[in-house]
């Protein structure tokens, strides 16, 4: 009932008429950024035309010459045959009273219009409320007083006015009702199936189940990705350990080789220098020649001594010769050993020290014996 009263008031406000100075003013509605045509309502051959907006000139036609004024320049046009005025790209600034003055056969004819620019209706929304055995459909759109609501359905012979529609719970669930929302410049519709009224309670549960399922699926996917990445990281670590032993073995072998080289170098440094067999023989021959020269000089010295020392001189010569022979035999034995056993290396000190020490010891003893013999005759 309230919806019907609201619709009636809205309709009356649309068709309300105003009485000003004995003339009737009809309200005309235009849509935002739309176009509207205001009628001159004249008959006869038109001589001149003038349109005014709130007492301001809008357009003037004199002898087929058109002149536009003010904010309407470029947005208006006038029909020189009917006198009608067309305005495009409407805005709220175009609201107001429009008056036409048309001259026919030397006389002026007048018409007045009240223009109001409004928005189109918004898309309606329908929802259902269940109360016992009653179903109530509610339609909502904008709150403008010019907006009207009506319903169209399969069981109603005509249109039901208002934003609310009551049905019985025995209504077929396959039934579809349409909410129609309109104002003087636009109209929109929204269909609603009755079965949505009964699926509302269960839809909440269904939505919750779906949400939980999506959440569980997300957790499973995230967990699987985490486990996969963890396994991949472990696999890379194992592969790295498997690939590392070869470089490690190479490094250890290199280290062992360096250690062996160092040990060989240390052993070589500890061994006596290797002397070629020929060089050893030459050195021995040179040493024996030097020894023989020294013995010759010593023998020459003993020739100048008196006869009492002749016996000692002869013994000294014999011992010197015997020592020289021993030295020669020793050098020959060494040379033969060096040739037969090249792996054994002897230093110069070892080769030269043995015969030289023996020769020196023998000579000193003989000289001391000779001197003793020389001293005895003097006494």
Protein backbone atom coordinates (compact mmCIF):
# COMPACT_ATOMS: atom_id res chain seq x y z
CA UNK A 1 0.00 0.00 0.00
CA UNK A 2 2.87 2.38 0.88
CA UNK A 3 4.56 1.62 -2.41
CA UNK A 4 1.37 2.39 -4.34
CA UNK A 5 0.94 5.74 -2.56
CA UNK A 6 4.58 6.60 -3.30
CA UNK A 7 4.05 5.83 -6.99
CA UNK A 8 0.91 7.99 -7.18
CA UNK A 9 2.65 10.98 -5.58
CA UNK A 10 5.57 10.62 -7.95
CA UNK A 11 3.27 10.48 -10.95
CA UNK A 12 1.40 13.59 -9.83
CA UNK A 13 4.63 15.47 -9.41
CA UNK A 14 5.53 14.65 -12.99
CA UNK A 15 2.26 15.87 -14.55
CA UNK A 16 1.62 18.76 -12.18
CA UNK A 17 0.68 21.98 -13.92
CA UNK A 18 1.38 25.51 -12.87
CA UNK A 19 -0.91 28.45 -13.37
CA UNK A 20 0.91 31.74 -13.85
CA UNK A 21 -0.89 34.81 -15.22
CA UNK A 22 -3.64 32.66 -16.66
CA UNK A 23 -1.19 30.47 -18.69
CA UNK A 24 -0.52 26.77 -18.17
CA UNK A 25 3.15 25.71 -17.70
CA UNK A 26 4.01 22.04 -18.28
CA UNK A 27 7.22 20.62 -16.75
CA UNK A 28 9.48 18.88 -19.23
CA UNK A 29 12.31 16.55 -18.10
CA UNK A 30 15.60 16.06 -19.83
CA UNK A 31 18.37 13.54 -19.10
CA UNK A 32 21.90 14.57 -18.28
CA UNK A 33 24.02 15.10 -21.43
CA UNK A 34 20.93 14.23 -23.47
CA UNK A 35 18.80 16.18 -25.89
CA UNK A 36 15.31 17.70 -25.66
CA UNK A 37 12.91 19.52 -27.97
CA UNK A 38 10.52 22.25 -26.74
CA UNK A 39 7.34 22.74 -28.82
CA UNK A 40 6.17 26.18 -29.98
CA UNK A 41 2.58 24.94 -30.66
CA UNK A 42 1.77 27.49 -33.38
CA UNK A 43 -0.10 27.33 -36.72
CA UNK A 44 0.40 29.39 -39.81
CA UNK A 45 3.25 30.87 -41.80
CA UNK A 46 6.00 31.95 -39.41
CA UNK A 47 7.59 35.34 -40.00
CA UNK A 48 9.91 35.73 -36.94
CA UNK A 49 10.94 33.51 -34.00
CA UNK A 50 12.40 34.39 -30.57
CA UNK A 51 13.15 31.98 -27.68
CA UNK A 52 14.00 33.16 -24.18
CA UNK A 53 15.40 31.41 -21.09
CA UNK A 54 14.50 33.07 -17.80
CA UNK A 55 13.86 36.32 -19.78
CA UNK A 56 17.27 36.03 -21.57
CA UNK A 57 17.50 35.57 -25.32
CA UNK A 58 18.43 32.09 -26.45
CA UNK A 59 18.02 32.29 -30.25
CA UNK A 60 16.41 34.68 -32.70
CA UNK A 61 15.34 34.15 -36.35
CA UNK A 62 14.57 37.18 -38.57
CA UNK A 63 14.20 36.72 -42.34
CA UNK A 64 15.88 33.29 -42.15
CA UNK A 65 18.87 34.78 -40.25
CA UNK A 66 19.64 32.84 -36.99
CA UNK A 67 21.41 34.40 -34.00
CA UNK A 68 22.43 32.35 -30.93
CA UNK A 69 23.11 33.83 -27.48
CA UNK A 70 24.88 33.07 -24.23
CA UNK A 71 25.58 29.58 -22.91
CA UNK A 72 23.51 27.97 -25.66
CA UNK A 73 25.78 28.87 -28.56
CA UNK A 74 26.60 25.78 -30.57
CA UNK A 75 24.12 23.58 -28.68
CA UNK A 76 20.75 24.82 -29.99
CA UNK A 77 18.71 24.78 -33.18
CA UNK A 78 15.28 26.02 -34.22
CA UNK A 79 12.89 24.74 -36.85
CA UNK A 80 11.84 27.73 -38.94
CA UNK A 81 8.70 25.88 -40.11
CA UNK A 82 7.30 24.76 -36.71
CA UNK A 83 9.20 27.11 -34.40
CA UNK A 84 10.34 24.21 -32.13
CA UNK A 85 13.59 24.62 -30.12
CA UNK A 86 16.11 21.72 -29.71
CA UNK A 87 18.81 21.80 -27.00
CA UNK A 88 21.65 19.20 -26.85
CA UNK A 89 24.25 18.21 -24.20
CA UNK A 90 21.93 19.13 -21.36
CA UNK A 91 23.27 20.01 -17.90
CA UNK A 92 21.79 21.25 -14.63
CA UNK A 93 22.60 24.81 -15.73
CA UNK A 94 19.90 24.50 -18.40
CA UNK A 95 17.09 24.18 -15.84
CA UNK A 96 14.54 26.96 -15.95
CA UNK A 97 11.60 28.53 -17.80
CA UNK A 98 11.67 28.74 -21.58
CA UNK A 99 9.29 31.05 -23.53
CA UNK A 100 8.67 31.24 -27.27
CA UNK A 101 7.43 34.30 -29.22
CA UNK A 102 6.43 33.44 -32.78
CA UNK A 103 5.09 36.09 -35.18
CA UNK A 104 2.47 34.87 -37.67
CA UNK A 105 0.64 37.36 -39.93
CA UNK A 106 1.93 40.24 -37.81
CA UNK A 107 0.71 38.71 -34.52
CA UNK A 108 2.72 37.04 -31.69
CA UNK A 109 1.89 33.60 -30.33
CA UNK A 110 3.40 32.42 -26.99
CA UNK A 111 4.29 29.10 -25.35
CA UNK A 112 6.03 28.37 -22.01
CA UNK A 113 7.98 25.31 -20.76
CA UNK A 114 9.58 24.45 -17.45
CA UNK A 115 12.73 22.36 -18.05
CA UNK A 116 14.34 20.11 -15.41
CA UNK A 117 17.43 18.02 -16.19
CA UNK A 118 17.67 14.76 -14.16
CA UNK A 119 19.76 11.56 -14.03
CA UNK A 120 18.70 8.19 -15.35
CA UNK A 121 17.62 5.50 -12.87
CA UNK A 122 20.21 3.11 -11.43
CA UNK A 123 20.16 -0.64 -11.98
CA UNK A 124 17.64 -2.19 -9.54
CA UNK A 125 18.53 -4.95 -7.02
CA UNK A 126 16.03 -7.62 -5.83
CA UNK A 127 16.28 -9.79 -2.71
CA UNK A 128 13.85 -12.11 -0.92
CA UNK A 129 12.71 -12.34 2.69
CA UNK A 130 10.97 -15.46 4.00
CA UNK A 131 8.52 -15.04 6.87
CA UNK A 132 6.54 -18.17 7.71
CA UNK A 133 4.44 -19.03 4.70
CA UNK A 134 5.00 -15.66 3.03
CA UNK A 135 7.65 -14.65 0.54
CA UNK A 136 8.41 -10.95 0.11
CA UNK A 137 10.37 -9.60 -2.84
CA UNK A 138 12.05 -6.22 -2.31
CA UNK A 139 13.30 -4.04 -5.19
CA UNK A 140 15.65 -1.09 -4.63
CA UNK A 141 17.14 1.62 -6.84
CA UNK A 142 17.79 5.36 -6.40
CA UNK A 143 15.85 7.47 -3.90
CA UNK A 144 14.65 10.15 -6.30
CA UNK A 145 10.94 11.06 -5.87
CA UNK A 146 10.58 10.77 -9.63
CA UNK A 147 11.52 7.07 -9.56
CA UNK A 148 8.64 4.60 -9.81
CA UNK A 149 8.54 0.80 -9.14
CA UNK A 150 6.38 -1.91 -10.60
CA UNK A 151 6.34 -5.74 -10.85
CA UNK A 152 5.57 -8.07 -13.68
CA UNK A 153 5.04 -11.81 -13.15
CA UNK A 154 3.57 -15.01 -14.62
CA UNK A 155 0.41 -15.14 -12.43
CA UNK A 156 -0.65 -11.48 -12.42
CA UNK A 157 -2.92 -10.18 -15.20
CA UNK A 158 -1.29 -6.73 -15.08
CA UNK A 159 1.39 -4.65 -13.39
CA UNK A 160 1.72 -4.51 -9.61
CA UNK A 161 2.86 -1.10 -8.41
CA UNK A 162 5.41 -0.56 -5.66
CA UNK A 163 8.88 -1.70 -4.69
CA UNK A 164 7.56 -4.69 -2.65
CA UNK A 165 5.78 -7.84 -3.83
CA UNK A 166 4.31 -10.49 -1.54
CA UNK A 167 3.98 -14.14 -2.57
CA UNK A 168 2.95 -17.38 -0.89
CA UNK A 169 5.45 -20.10 -0.06
CA UNK A 170 3.45 -22.40 -2.33
CA UNK A 171 4.55 -20.29 -5.28
CA UNK A 172 6.27 -22.33 -7.95
CA UNK A 173 10.00 -22.16 -7.59
CA UNK A 174 10.34 -21.89 -11.36
CA UNK A 175 8.40 -18.59 -11.40
CA UNK A 176 10.31 -15.45 -12.42
CA UNK A 177 9.24 -11.91 -11.45
CA UNK A 178 10.55 -8.68 -12.97
CA UNK A 179 11.10 -5.41 -11.12
CA UNK A 180 10.66 -2.36 -13.39
CA UNK A 181 12.23 0.93 -12.28
CA UNK A 182 11.71 4.11 -14.28
CA UNK A 183 11.57 7.87 -14.18
CA UNK A 184 10.45 10.43 -16.81
CA UNK A 185 13.70 9.98 -18.80
CA UNK A 186 14.77 6.30 -18.31
CA UNK A 187 13.69 2.76 -17.44
CA UNK A 188 15.55 -0.39 -16.20
CA UNK A 189 14.47 -3.96 -15.33
CA UNK A 190 15.72 -6.81 -13.07
CA UNK A 191 14.51 -10.46 -13.14
CA UNK A 192 14.32 -12.62 -10.01
CA UNK A 193 13.62 -16.39 -9.80
CA UNK A 194 11.57 -17.59 -6.80
CA UNK A 195 13.87 -20.55 -6.10
CA UNK A 196 16.51 -18.07 -4.85
CA UNK A 197 14.30 -17.47 -1.83
CA UNK A 198 14.67 -21.11 -0.71
CA UNK A 199 18.36 -21.41 -1.60
CA UNK A 200 19.34 -18.44 0.53
CA UNK A 201 19.76 -20.33 3.83
CA UNK A 202 21.53 -23.25 2.26
CA UNK A 203 23.66 -20.98 0.11
CA UNK A 204 25.45 -19.70 3.21
CA UNK A 205 26.43 -23.23 4.19
CA UNK A 206 27.44 -24.01 0.63
CA UNK A 207 29.56 -20.88 0.46
CA UNK A 208 31.24 -21.78 3.74
CA UNK A 209 31.98 -25.29 2.50
CA UNK A 210 33.40 -23.90 -0.74
CA UNK A 211 35.53 -21.40 1.17
CA UNK A 212 36.89 -24.12 3.45
CA UNK A 213 37.63 -26.34 0.49
CA UNK A 214 39.52 -23.55 -1.27
CA UNK A 215 41.46 -22.84 1.93
CA UNK A 216 42.41 -26.50 2.38
CA UNK A 217 43.45 -26.77 -1.25
CA UNK A 218 45.62 -23.68 -0.89
CA UNK A 219 47.29 -25.11 2.21
CA UNK A 220 47.97 -28.40 0.42
CA UNK A 221 49.51 -26.61 -2.56
CA UNK A 222 51.68 -24.39 -0.36
CA UNK A 223 52.83 -27.41 1.69
CA UNK A 224 53.64 -29.38 -1.45
CA UNK A 225 55.69 -26.52 -2.86
CA UNK A 226 57.58 -26.20 0.44
CA UNK A 227 58.34 -29.93 0.59
CA UNK A 228 59.40 -29.97 -3.07
CA UNK A 229 61.79 -27.07 -2.56
CA UNK A 230 63.24 -28.68 0.57
CA UNK A 231 63.88 -31.95 -1.28
CA UNK A 232 65.42 -30.10 -4.19
CA UNK A 233 67.78 -28.27 -1.84
CA UNK A 234 68.83 -31.58 -0.24
CA UNK A 235 69.33 -33.13 -3.67
CA UNK A 236 71.58 -30.27 -4.72
CA UNK A 237 73.59 -30.70 -1.53
CA UNK A 238 74.05 -34.45 -2.20
CA UNK A 239 75.03 -33.84 -5.80
CA UNK A 240 77.56 -31.31 -4.62
CA UNK A 241 79.06 -33.82 -2.18
CA UNK A 242 79.24 -36.48 -4.91
CA UNK A 243 80.99 -34.17 -7.29
CA UNK A 244 83.49 -32.89 -4.73
CA UNK A 245 85.59 -36.08 -4.10
CA UNK A 246 87.35 -35.95 -7.46
CA UNK A 247 88.74 -32.44 -6.88
CA UNK A 248 89.60 -33.44 -3.33
CA UNK A 249 91.46 -36.52 -4.58
CA UNK A 250 93.31 -34.39 -7.08
CA UNK A 251 94.23 -31.93 -4.36
CA UNK A 252 95.41 -34.73 -2.03
CA UNK A 253 97.47 -36.30 -4.83
CA UNK A 254 99.06 -32.95 -5.60
CA UNK A 255 99.84 -32.44 -1.92
CA UNK A 256 101.37 -35.93 -1.69
CA UNK A 257 103.45 -35.26 -4.81
CA UNK A 258 104.75 -32.00 -3.33
CA UNK A 259 105.61 -33.76 -0.05
CA UNK A 260 107.47 -36.51 -1.94
CA UNK A 261 109.39 -33.92 -3.93
CA UNK A 262 110.34 -32.14 -0.71
CA UNK A 263 111.51 -35.43 0.86
CA UNK A 264 113.59 -36.29 -2.24
CA UNK A 265 115.16 -32.83 -2.21
CA UNK A 266 116.00 -33.16 1.49
CA UNK A 267 117.58 -36.63 0.89
CA UNK A 268 119.59 -35.33 -2.04
CA UNK A 269 120.82 -32.38 0.05
CA UNK A 270 122.01 -34.84 2.75
CA UNK A 271 123.93 -37.06 0.30
CA UNK A 272 127.53 -36.13 -0.65
CA UNK A 273 128.04 -34.59 -4.06
CA UNK A 274 128.34 -37.05 -6.90
CA UNK A 275 131.77 -37.01 -8.47
CA UNK A 276 132.36 -38.73 -11.81
CA UNK A 277 134.74 -41.74 -11.67
CA UNK A 278 137.23 -40.08 -14.01
CA UNK A 279 137.38 -36.97 -11.88
CA UNK A 280 138.02 -39.12 -8.75
CA UNK A 281 140.89 -40.94 -10.49
CA UNK A 282 142.44 -37.66 -11.67
CA UNK A 283 142.24 -36.19 -8.21
CA UNK A 284 143.85 -39.31 -6.72
CA UNK A 285 146.70 -39.24 -9.28
CA UNK A 286 147.29 -35.55 -8.59
CA UNK A 287 147.38 -36.20 -4.87
CA UNK A 288 149.83 -39.11 -5.28
CA UNK A 289 152.10 -36.96 -7.50
CA UNK A 290 152.12 -34.23 -4.90
CA UNK A 291 153.01 -36.81 -2.24
CA UNK A 292 155.84 -38.18 -4.40
CA UNK A 293 157.23 -34.68 -4.94
CA UNK A 294 157.21 -34.06 -1.20
CA UNK A 295 159.02 -37.39 -0.63
CA UNK A 296 161.59 -36.52 -3.30
CA UNK A 297 162.30 -33.22 -1.60
CA UNK A 298 162.64 -34.96 1.71
CA UNK A 299 165.06 -37.49 0.23
CA UNK A 300 167.12 -34.68 -1.31
CA UNK A 301 167.40 -33.14 2.13
CA UNK A 302 168.65 -36.35 3.62
CA UNK A 303 171.48 -36.66 0.99
CA UNK A 304 173.27 -33.65 2.55
CA UNK A 305 173.35 -35.30 5.98
CA UNK A 306 176.55 -37.00 7.13
CA UNK A 307 177.26 -40.65 6.70
CA UNK A 308 176.17 -41.64 10.16
CA UNK A 309 172.72 -40.98 8.92
CA UNK A 310 173.05 -43.09 5.75
CA UNK A 311 171.46 -46.11 7.34
CA UNK A 312 168.50 -43.98 8.42
CA UNK A 313 168.38 -42.36 4.96
CA UNK A 314 168.25 -45.69 3.25
CA UNK A 315 165.54 -46.89 5.55
CA UNK A 316 163.67 -43.67 4.96
CA UNK A 317 163.89 -44.15 1.17
CA UNK A 318 162.68 -47.66 1.48
CA UNK A 319 159.81 -46.73 3.64
CA UNK A 320 158.96 -43.87 1.25
CA UNK A 321 158.99 -46.19 -1.68
CA UNK A 322 156.91 -48.68 0.19
CA UNK A 323 154.40 -45.93 1.08
CA UNK A 324 154.32 -44.74 -2.53
CA UNK A 325 153.61 -48.28 -3.70
CA UNK A 326 150.87 -48.61 -1.12
CA UNK A 327 149.38 -45.29 -2.25
CA UNK A 328 149.44 -46.37 -5.88
CA UNK A 329 147.82 -49.69 -5.01
CA UNK A 330 145.19 -47.88 -2.96
CA UNK A 331 144.41 -45.43 -5.81
CA UNK A 332 144.14 -48.30 -8.25
CA UNK A 333 141.75 -50.13 -5.94
CA UNK A 334 139.62 -47.04 -5.52
CA UNK A 335 139.46 -46.39 -9.27
CA UNK A 336 138.48 -50.00 -9.90
CA UNK A 337 135.79 -49.79 -7.22
CA UNK A 338 134.48 -46.51 -8.65
CA UNK A 339 134.28 -48.04 -12.12
CA UNK A 340 132.64 -51.26 -10.92
CA UNK A 341 130.25 -49.60 -8.48
CA UNK A 342 129.15 -46.24 -9.94
CA UNK A 343 126.33 -45.91 -7.40
CA UNK A 344 128.89 -45.40 -4.55
CA UNK A 345 130.15 -41.81 -4.45
CA UNK A 346 133.09 -40.68 -2.37
CA UNK A 347 133.97 -37.17 -1.44
CA UNK A 348 137.40 -35.69 -2.01
CA UNK A 349 138.09 -35.69 1.71
CA UNK A 350 137.38 -39.42 2.06
CA UNK A 351 139.56 -40.40 -0.92
CA UNK A 352 142.56 -38.19 -0.09
CA UNK A 353 142.55 -38.47 3.71
CA UNK A 354 143.42 -42.17 3.98
CA UNK A 355 146.75 -42.49 2.11
CA UNK A 356 147.89 -39.01 2.98
CA UNK A 357 147.43 -39.59 6.70
CA UNK A 358 149.32 -42.89 6.50
CA UNK A 359 152.19 -41.37 4.53
CA UNK A 360 152.50 -38.40 6.85
CA UNK A 361 152.56 -40.65 9.93
CA UNK A 362 155.33 -42.91 8.48
CA UNK A 363 157.55 -40.02 7.33
CA UNK A 364 157.41 -38.25 10.67
CA UNK A 365 158.42 -41.46 12.49
CA UNK A 366 161.38 -42.11 10.13
CA UNK A 367 162.59 -38.54 10.41
CA UNK A 368 162.44 -38.72 14.18
CA UNK A 369 164.40 -41.99 14.11
CA UNK A 370 167.04 -40.47 11.80
CA UNK A 371 167.46 -37.42 14.02
CA UNK A 372 167.95 -39.74 16.98
CA UNK A 373 170.65 -41.60 15.14
CA UNK A 374 172.41 -38.33 14.20
CA UNK A 375 172.46 -37.21 17.81
CA UNK A 376 174.06 -40.41 19.03
CA UNK A 377 177.55 -40.01 17.35
CA UNK A 378 177.78 -36.46 18.71
CA UNK A 379 177.41 -37.71 22.20
